[in-house]
N, C-alpha and C. Protein backbone atom coordinates (compact mmCIF):
# COMPACT_ATOMS: atom_id res chain seq x y z
N MET A 1 0.74 -0.92 0.28
CA MET A 1 0.39 0.35 -0.07
C MET A 1 0.97 1.38 0.18
N LYS A 2 0.67 2.18 -0.59
CA LYS A 2 1.64 3.38 -0.65
C LYS A 2 0.04 4.64 -0.44
N THR A 3 0.38 6.08 0.06
CA THR A 3 -0.38 6.98 -0.33
C THR A 3 0.29 8.24 -0.82
N VAL A 4 -0.55 8.41 -1.46
CA VAL A 4 -0.39 9.95 -2.78
C VAL A 4 -1.65 10.47 -2.60
N LYS A 5 -1.00 11.82 -2.88
CA LYS A 5 -1.94 13.25 -3.07
C LYS A 5 -3.23 12.50 -4.21
N CYS A 6 -4.31 12.99 -4.03
CA CYS A 6 -5.00 12.67 -5.33
C CYS A 6 -4.40 13.65 -6.47
N CYS A 7 -5.47 12.85 -7.43
CA CYS A 7 -5.27 13.94 -8.44
C CYS A 7 -6.50 12.96 -9.49
N GLU A 8 -6.72 13.78 -10.47
CA GLU A 8 -8.09 13.35 -11.15
C GLU A 8 -8.05 11.96 -11.85
N LYS A 9 -7.02 11.76 -11.84
CA LYS A 9 -6.63 10.14 -12.35
C LYS A 9 -7.64 9.35 -11.63
N TYR A 10 -7.72 9.65 -10.37
CA TYR A 10 -8.41 8.44 -9.17
C TYR A 10 -9.53 9.05 -9.07
N ILE A 11 -10.13 10.08 -9.36
CA ILE A 11 -11.50 10.81 -9.67
C ILE A 11 -12.72 9.60 -9.19
N ASP A 12 -12.98 8.94 -10.04
CA ASP A 12 -14.07 7.90 -9.99
C ASP A 12 -13.99 6.94 -9.36
N GLN A 13 -12.67 6.24 -8.88
CA GLN A 13 -12.83 5.25 -7.77
C GLN A 13 -12.85 5.90 -6.56
N LEU A 14 -12.14 7.34 -6.26
CA LEU A 14 -12.78 8.14 -5.54
C LEU A 14 -14.36 8.37 -4.88
N THR A 15 -14.65 8.83 -5.74
CA THR A 15 -16.57 8.88 -6.02
C THR A 15 -17.03 7.99 -4.82
N ASP A 16 -16.57 6.91 -5.72
CA ASP A 16 -17.21 5.37 -5.03
C ASP A 16 -17.27 5.52 -3.76
N ILE A 17 -15.57 5.43 -2.96
CA ILE A 17 -15.59 5.19 -1.87
C ILE A 17 -16.17 6.54 -0.89
N PHE A 18 -16.07 7.71 -1.65
CA PHE A 18 -16.19 8.45 -1.20
C PHE A 18 -17.78 9.04 -0.74
N ASP A 19 -18.69 7.86 -1.60
CA ASP A 19 -19.97 7.75 -1.43
C ASP A 19 -20.46 6.93 -0.66
N GLU A 20 -19.72 5.58 -0.49
CA GLU A 20 -19.51 4.50 0.43
C GLU A 20 -19.83 5.67 2.11
N TYR A 21 -18.69 6.54 2.24
CA TYR A 21 -18.39 6.89 3.64
C TYR A 21 -19.97 7.91 3.70
N ARG A 22 -20.30 8.38 2.56
CA ARG A 22 -21.37 9.56 3.25
C ARG A 22 -22.42 8.80 3.55
N LEU A 23 -22.70 7.28 2.70
CA LEU A 23 -23.53 6.71 3.37
C LEU A 23 -23.46 5.97 4.87
N PHE A 24 -21.94 6.09 5.01
CA PHE A 24 -21.95 5.51 6.60
C PHE A 24 -22.43 6.24 7.44
N CYS A 25 -22.47 7.61 7.15
CA CYS A 25 -22.58 8.60 7.95
C CYS A 25 -24.11 9.38 7.86
N GLY A 26 -25.11 8.74 7.46
CA GLY A 26 -26.54 8.73 6.72
C GLY A 26 -26.73 9.71 6.20
N PHE A 27 -26.13 9.67 5.14
CA PHE A 27 -26.07 10.62 4.04
C PHE A 27 -26.41 9.59 2.70
N GLU A 28 -27.57 10.07 1.70
CA GLU A 28 -28.09 9.15 0.62
C GLU A 28 -26.68 9.31 -0.33
N LEU A 29 -26.42 8.38 -1.42
CA LEU A 29 -25.73 8.43 -2.07
C LEU A 29 -26.09 9.09 -3.88
N ASN A 30 -25.10 9.84 -4.04
CA ASN A 30 -25.16 10.85 -5.30
C ASN A 30 -24.14 10.70 -5.53
N PRO A 31 -23.60 9.69 -6.73
CA PRO A 31 -22.34 9.45 -7.17
C PRO A 31 -22.30 10.75 -7.91
N LEU A 32 -23.14 11.71 -8.49
CA LEU A 32 -22.51 12.68 -9.44
C LEU A 32 -22.27 13.92 -8.94
N GLU A 33 -23.31 13.94 -7.83
CA GLU A 33 -22.81 15.16 -6.81
C GLU A 33 -21.59 15.11 -5.99
N THR A 34 -21.60 14.02 -5.99
CA THR A 34 -20.51 13.50 -5.12
C THR A 34 -18.93 14.18 -6.00
N SER A 35 -18.55 13.78 -7.06
CA SER A 35 -18.18 13.63 -8.22
C SER A 35 -17.79 15.53 -8.33
N LYS A 36 -18.91 16.02 -8.56
CA LYS A 36 -18.67 17.39 -8.83
C LYS A 36 -18.04 18.18 -7.82
N PHE A 37 -18.69 17.84 -6.33
CA PHE A 37 -18.19 18.16 -5.15
C PHE A 37 -16.56 18.05 -4.99
N LEU A 38 -16.02 16.56 -5.33
CA LEU A 38 -14.62 16.45 -5.37
C LEU A 38 -14.03 17.15 -6.25
N LYS A 39 -14.65 17.19 -7.63
CA LYS A 39 -13.46 17.49 -8.90
C LYS A 39 -13.35 19.33 -8.60
N LYS A 40 -14.10 19.90 -7.94
CA LYS A 40 -14.07 20.93 -7.38
C LYS A 40 -13.35 21.33 -6.23
N LEU A 41 -13.00 20.62 -5.53
CA LEU A 41 -12.47 20.78 -4.56
C LEU A 41 -10.94 20.89 -5.01
N MET A 42 -10.89 19.77 -6.01
CA MET A 42 -9.34 19.12 -6.13
C MET A 42 -9.04 21.09 -7.44
N LEU A 43 -9.82 20.83 -8.06
CA LEU A 43 -9.64 22.27 -9.18
C LEU A 43 -9.39 23.38 -8.55
N ASN A 44 -10.22 23.55 -7.58
CA ASN A 44 -10.11 24.84 -6.83
C ASN A 44 -9.02 24.87 -6.02
N GLU A 45 -8.14 23.60 -5.73
CA GLU A 45 -7.30 23.72 -4.38
C GLU A 45 -8.19 24.33 -2.90
N GLU A 46 -8.76 23.45 -2.57
CA GLU A 46 -9.57 24.45 -1.75
C GLU A 46 -9.53 23.16 -0.51
N SER A 47 -8.93 21.91 -1.08
CA SER A 47 -8.58 20.51 0.23
C SER A 47 -7.52 20.17 -0.49
N VAL A 48 -6.70 19.04 0.76
CA VAL A 48 -5.63 18.39 0.25
C VAL A 48 -6.49 16.91 0.79
N ILE A 49 -6.25 16.19 -0.32
CA ILE A 49 -7.23 14.73 -0.15
C ILE A 49 -5.74 13.68 -0.77
N PHE A 50 -5.53 12.90 0.37
CA PHE A 50 -4.84 11.79 0.27
C PHE A 50 -5.45 10.32 0.10
N ILE A 51 -4.86 9.69 -0.64
CA ILE A 51 -5.70 8.43 -0.81
C ILE A 51 -4.62 7.39 -0.96
N ALA A 52 -5.13 6.00 -0.35
CA ALA A 52 -4.52 4.80 0.08
C ALA A 52 -4.89 3.87 -1.16
N LEU A 53 -3.19 3.37 -1.94
CA LEU A 53 -3.56 2.57 -3.00
C LEU A 53 -3.10 1.36 -2.99
N ASP A 54 -3.81 0.34 -3.59
CA ASP A 54 -3.16 -0.94 -3.38
C ASP A 54 -1.86 -1.26 -4.13
N ALA A 55 -0.62 -1.66 -3.63
CA ALA A 55 0.35 -1.65 -4.11
C ALA A 55 0.18 -2.86 -5.93
N LYS A 56 -0.46 -3.72 -5.81
CA LYS A 56 -0.82 -4.52 -6.96
C LYS A 56 -1.00 -4.50 -7.84
N ASN A 57 -2.61 -3.22 -7.78
CA ASN A 57 -3.11 -2.53 -9.36
C ASN A 57 -3.64 -1.07 -8.83
N GLU A 58 -2.97 -0.32 -8.32
CA GLU A 58 -3.14 0.69 -7.84
C GLU A 58 -5.10 1.21 -7.87
N ASN A 59 -5.39 0.30 -6.96
CA ASN A 59 -6.91 0.66 -6.92
C ASN A 59 -7.07 1.09 -5.41
N VAL A 60 -8.00 2.34 -5.64
CA VAL A 60 -8.01 3.34 -4.12
C VAL A 60 -8.78 2.35 -3.15
N MET A 61 -8.42 2.61 -1.89
CA MET A 61 -8.63 1.45 -0.85
C MET A 61 -9.52 2.45 -0.03
N GLY A 62 -8.93 3.67 0.45
CA GLY A 62 -9.49 4.40 1.05
C GLY A 62 -8.96 6.50 1.29
N PHE A 63 -9.21 7.10 1.60
CA PHE A 63 -8.81 8.28 1.60
C PHE A 63 -9.11 9.44 2.65
N VAL A 64 -8.44 10.54 2.35
CA VAL A 64 -8.44 11.44 3.92
C VAL A 64 -8.51 13.36 3.10
N ASN A 65 -9.36 13.63 3.81
CA ASN A 65 -9.47 14.95 3.06
C ASN A 65 -9.20 16.12 3.92
N LEU A 66 -8.75 16.97 4.12
CA LEU A 66 -7.71 18.18 4.88
C LEU A 66 -8.17 19.52 4.44
N TYR A 67 -9.02 20.25 5.46
CA TYR A 67 -8.99 21.98 5.02
C TYR A 67 -8.07 22.54 5.62
N PRO A 68 -7.74 23.04 4.72
CA PRO A 68 -6.74 24.08 5.98
C PRO A 68 -7.38 25.54 6.69
N CYS A 69 -7.08 25.39 7.69
CA CYS A 69 -8.00 26.71 8.41
C CYS A 69 -6.00 27.57 9.16
N TYR A 70 -6.29 28.41 9.81
CA TYR A 70 -5.34 29.06 10.58
C TYR A 70 -5.85 29.50 11.91
N SER A 71 -4.83 29.36 12.56
CA SER A 71 -4.52 30.03 14.11
C SER A 71 -4.26 31.29 14.19
N SER A 72 -5.31 31.60 14.20
CA SER A 72 -4.73 33.37 14.99
C SER A 72 -3.92 33.81 15.86
N LEU A 73 -4.11 32.98 16.91
CA LEU A 73 -3.10 32.90 18.16
C LEU A 73 -2.13 32.75 17.97
N ALA A 74 -1.58 31.30 17.35
CA ALA A 74 -0.88 30.78 17.09
C ALA A 74 0.23 31.15 16.01
N LEU A 75 -0.64 32.18 15.23
CA LEU A 75 -0.11 32.56 13.80
C LEU A 75 0.53 31.71 12.85
N GLN A 76 -0.17 30.66 13.00
CA GLN A 76 0.20 29.55 11.95
C GLN A 76 -0.93 28.45 11.39
N ARG A 77 -0.57 27.82 10.63
CA ARG A 77 -1.41 26.91 9.83
C ARG A 77 -2.00 25.74 10.92
N LEU A 78 -3.34 25.28 10.79
CA LEU A 78 -3.28 24.09 11.12
C LEU A 78 -4.23 23.56 9.91
N TRP A 79 -4.69 22.10 10.42
CA TRP A 79 -5.81 21.21 9.34
C TRP A 79 -6.56 20.55 10.16
N ILE A 80 -7.91 20.51 9.24
CA ILE A 80 -9.03 20.10 9.96
C ILE A 80 -8.75 18.77 9.05
N LEU A 81 -8.85 17.83 9.54
CA LEU A 81 -9.11 16.80 8.83
C LEU A 81 -10.75 16.16 8.84
N ASN A 82 -11.07 16.36 7.94
CA ASN A 82 -12.24 16.43 7.82
C ASN A 82 -13.31 15.46 7.25
N ASP A 83 -12.54 14.11 7.00
CA ASP A 83 -13.22 13.23 6.38
C ASP A 83 -12.04 11.88 6.07
N LEU A 84 -12.51 11.08 6.66
CA LEU A 84 -11.65 10.06 6.47
C LEU A 84 -12.23 8.60 6.22
N GLY A 85 -12.40 8.19 5.04
CA GLY A 85 -13.00 6.70 4.66
C GLY A 85 -12.31 5.92 4.38
N VAL A 86 -12.72 4.28 4.68
CA VAL A 86 -11.87 3.46 3.52
C VAL A 86 -13.17 2.46 3.30
N SER A 87 -12.80 1.80 1.98
CA SER A 87 -13.86 0.88 1.58
C SER A 87 -14.09 0.11 2.36
N SER A 88 -15.32 -0.52 2.15
CA SER A 88 -15.83 -1.96 3.01
C SER A 88 -14.20 -3.13 2.26
N LYS A 89 -14.40 -3.04 1.08
CA LYS A 89 -13.24 -4.48 0.89
C LYS A 89 -12.05 -4.33 1.39
N HIS A 90 -11.62 -2.96 1.85
CA HIS A 90 -10.21 -2.71 2.31
C HIS A 90 -9.85 -3.09 3.85
N ARG A 91 -11.25 -2.68 5.01
CA ARG A 91 -10.97 -2.34 6.40
C ARG A 91 -10.55 -3.77 6.99
N GLY A 92 -9.56 -3.10 8.08
CA GLY A 92 -9.12 -4.18 8.74
C GLY A 92 -7.40 -4.33 8.26
N LYS A 93 -6.78 -3.09 7.04
CA LYS A 93 -5.91 -3.80 6.60
C LYS A 93 -4.70 -2.55 7.07
N GLY A 94 -5.00 -1.58 8.43
CA GLY A 94 -4.43 -0.67 8.11
C GLY A 94 -4.29 0.88 7.08
N VAL A 95 -5.31 0.68 6.73
CA VAL A 95 -5.46 1.85 5.29
C VAL A 95 -5.61 3.33 6.33
N SER A 96 -6.95 3.48 7.29
CA SER A 96 -6.53 4.38 7.97
C SER A 96 -5.89 4.59 8.96
N LYS A 97 -4.82 4.14 9.45
CA LYS A 97 -3.54 4.27 10.19
C LYS A 97 -2.55 4.75 8.96
N ALA A 98 -2.28 4.28 8.00
CA ALA A 98 -1.18 4.79 6.94
C ALA A 98 -1.78 6.22 6.53
N LEU A 99 -2.91 6.41 6.09
CA LEU A 99 -3.37 7.96 5.89
C LEU A 99 -3.63 8.73 6.72
N ILE A 100 -3.86 8.14 7.94
CA ILE A 100 -3.49 9.55 9.16
C ILE A 100 -1.66 9.69 9.76
N GLN A 101 -1.00 8.94 9.19
CA GLN A 101 0.51 8.85 8.68
C GLN A 101 0.52 9.89 8.38
N GLN A 102 -0.10 9.57 6.71
CA GLN A 102 0.73 10.79 5.69
C GLN A 102 0.18 12.09 6.30
N VAL A 103 -0.93 11.98 7.10
CA VAL A 103 -1.58 13.75 7.15
C VAL A 103 -0.60 13.90 8.50
N GLN A 104 -0.46 13.48 9.18
CA GLN A 104 1.06 13.81 10.46
C GLN A 104 2.08 14.06 9.49
N LYS A 105 2.96 13.33 8.45
CA LYS A 105 3.57 13.77 8.13
C LYS A 105 3.95 15.05 7.24
N PHE A 106 2.71 15.06 6.30
CA PHE A 106 2.14 16.21 5.72
C PHE A 106 1.66 17.89 6.80
N ALA A 107 1.49 17.69 7.69
CA ALA A 107 1.09 18.28 8.79
C ALA A 107 2.70 19.19 8.64
N LYS A 108 2.99 18.33 9.68
CA LYS A 108 4.94 18.34 9.91
C LYS A 108 5.63 19.40 8.71
N GLU A 109 5.72 18.52 7.53
CA GLU A 109 5.92 19.65 5.85
C GLU A 109 5.89 20.80 6.05
N THR A 110 4.27 21.31 6.26
CA THR A 110 3.72 22.43 6.11
C THR A 110 3.83 23.42 7.04
N LYS A 111 4.28 22.77 8.25
CA LYS A 111 4.62 23.73 9.47
C LYS A 111 3.57 24.05 10.10
N ALA A 112 2.42 23.14 10.14
CA ALA A 112 1.30 23.68 11.14
C ALA A 112 0.95 23.15 12.12
N VAL A 113 0.49 24.05 13.07
CA VAL A 113 0.26 24.25 14.65
C VAL A 113 0.03 23.00 14.91
N ARG A 114 -1.03 21.94 14.71
CA ARG A 114 -1.72 21.32 14.67
C ARG A 114 -2.83 20.65 13.91
N ILE A 115 -3.63 19.26 13.91
CA ILE A 115 -4.30 18.71 13.37
C ILE A 115 -5.79 18.55 13.91
N GLU A 116 -6.64 18.98 13.97
CA GLU A 116 -8.42 18.74 14.56
C GLU A 116 -9.18 17.81 13.23
N LEU A 117 -9.33 17.51 14.55
CA LEU A 117 -10.78 16.73 13.78
C LEU A 117 -11.61 16.31 14.84
N LYS A 118 -12.97 15.70 14.31
CA LYS A 118 -14.32 15.34 15.28
C LYS A 118 -14.47 14.36 14.48
N THR A 119 -15.04 13.35 15.66
CA THR A 119 -16.02 12.26 15.38
C THR A 119 -17.30 12.03 16.33
N GLY A 120 -18.15 11.11 15.57
CA GLY A 120 -19.49 11.04 15.92
C GLY A 120 -19.19 10.09 17.62
N ILE A 121 -19.78 10.65 18.37
CA ILE A 121 -19.51 10.16 20.15
C ILE A 121 -19.55 8.60 19.88
N ASN A 122 -20.20 7.55 19.29
CA ASN A 122 -20.82 5.99 19.38
C ASN A 122 -20.06 6.00 18.23
N ASN A 123 -18.80 6.70 17.36
CA ASN A 123 -17.44 6.06 16.63
C ASN A 123 -16.43 5.41 17.26
N THR A 124 -16.48 4.11 18.15
CA THR A 124 -15.69 4.25 19.04
C THR A 124 -14.45 3.42 18.44
N THR A 125 -14.62 2.75 17.02
CA THR A 125 -13.55 2.39 16.60
C THR A 125 -12.37 3.08 16.47
N ALA A 126 -12.99 4.70 15.38
CA ALA A 126 -12.47 5.57 15.31
C ALA A 126 -11.57 6.35 16.18
N GLN A 127 -12.48 6.50 17.61
CA GLN A 127 -11.92 7.35 18.86
C GLN A 127 -10.68 6.48 19.43
N ARG A 128 -10.75 4.99 19.06
CA ARG A 128 -9.72 4.38 19.55
C ARG A 128 -8.53 4.25 18.40
N LEU A 129 -8.76 4.25 17.26
CA LEU A 129 -7.70 4.72 16.07
C LEU A 129 -6.60 6.48 16.51
N TYR A 130 -8.17 7.09 16.77
CA TYR A 130 -7.24 8.41 16.99
C TYR A 130 -5.94 8.53 18.23
N GLN A 131 -6.59 7.99 18.96
CA GLN A 131 -6.14 8.01 20.63
C GLN A 131 -4.58 7.32 20.60
N SER A 132 -4.95 6.27 19.83
CA SER A 132 -3.75 4.97 19.70
C SER A 132 -2.07 5.96 18.29
N MET A 133 -2.81 7.28 17.46
CA MET A 133 -2.00 7.84 16.98
C MET A 133 -1.94 9.37 17.35
N ASP A 134 -1.90 9.50 18.97
CA ASP A 134 -1.64 10.65 19.64
C ASP A 134 -2.67 11.87 19.19
N PHE A 135 -3.45 11.71 18.97
CA PHE A 135 -4.61 12.44 19.43
C PHE A 135 -5.41 12.59 20.73
N THR A 136 -5.54 13.78 21.36
CA THR A 136 -6.00 14.11 22.50
C THR A 136 -7.80 14.38 22.32
N ILE A 137 -8.28 14.06 23.41
CA ILE A 137 -9.99 14.93 23.54
C ILE A 137 -9.25 16.08 23.75
N ASP A 138 -10.36 17.13 23.42
CA ASP A 138 -9.68 18.38 23.67
C ASP A 138 -11.05 18.68 25.04
N ASN A 139 -11.02 18.81 25.63
CA ASN A 139 -11.90 19.28 26.85
C ASN A 139 -11.88 20.73 27.54
N ASN A 140 -11.31 21.52 26.63
CA ASN A 140 -11.02 22.18 27.07
C ASN A 140 -12.07 23.99 26.31
N ASN A 141 -12.31 23.25 25.00
CA ASN A 141 -13.48 23.75 24.46
C ASN A 141 -14.59 22.93 23.84
N VAL A 142 -15.86 23.96 23.58
CA VAL A 142 -16.72 23.13 23.59
C VAL A 142 -16.96 23.95 21.89
N TYR A 143 -17.85 22.30 21.12
CA TYR A 143 -17.88 22.75 19.57
C TYR A 143 -19.60 22.86 19.81
N TYR A 144 -19.88 24.29 19.03
CA TYR A 144 -21.23 24.99 18.68
C TYR A 144 -21.60 24.54 16.99
N ARG A 145 -22.57 24.38 16.87
CA ARG A 145 -23.05 24.51 15.24
C ARG A 145 -24.44 25.37 15.32
N VAL A 146 -24.38 26.15 13.94
CA VAL A 146 -25.71 26.36 13.95
C VAL A 146 -26.28 26.25 12.10
N PRO A 147 -27.91 25.83 11.79
CA PRO A 147 -27.60 25.73 10.67
C PRO A 147 -28.19 26.75 10.05
N CYS A 148 -27.64 27.18 8.90
CA CYS A 148 -27.84 28.07 8.16
C CYS A 148 -28.75 28.38 6.91
């Protein structure tokens, strides 16, 4: 397995896995809109998407989607790890761990102050993975949102 920055060559495979991830998160499948969304992100360089490829035939096994953000107080960039998905065909093979390691390497290369993420309160599998990779729960802040 290798991890690489995603390019348009892999957009169809990425779309399938991204839609599978959206379904897991409670959203309906919508391959056409998902593909358009991902192409826009790549074309406008609005996010950084890394993919894991199997070594045998370069099939996409999973992805991680990062959005840039900044800490005004630290005067530095940070990265929001917004999405992490692995194809159901490739779960249990260390894909998520490899993708997170790639993110941690990338964050250091870009001199980011930190990586932030959120996950569902009931997603204990993801929580165990993040904690095993040195992520800690932020007990000093409260997360709010309002629909627009």
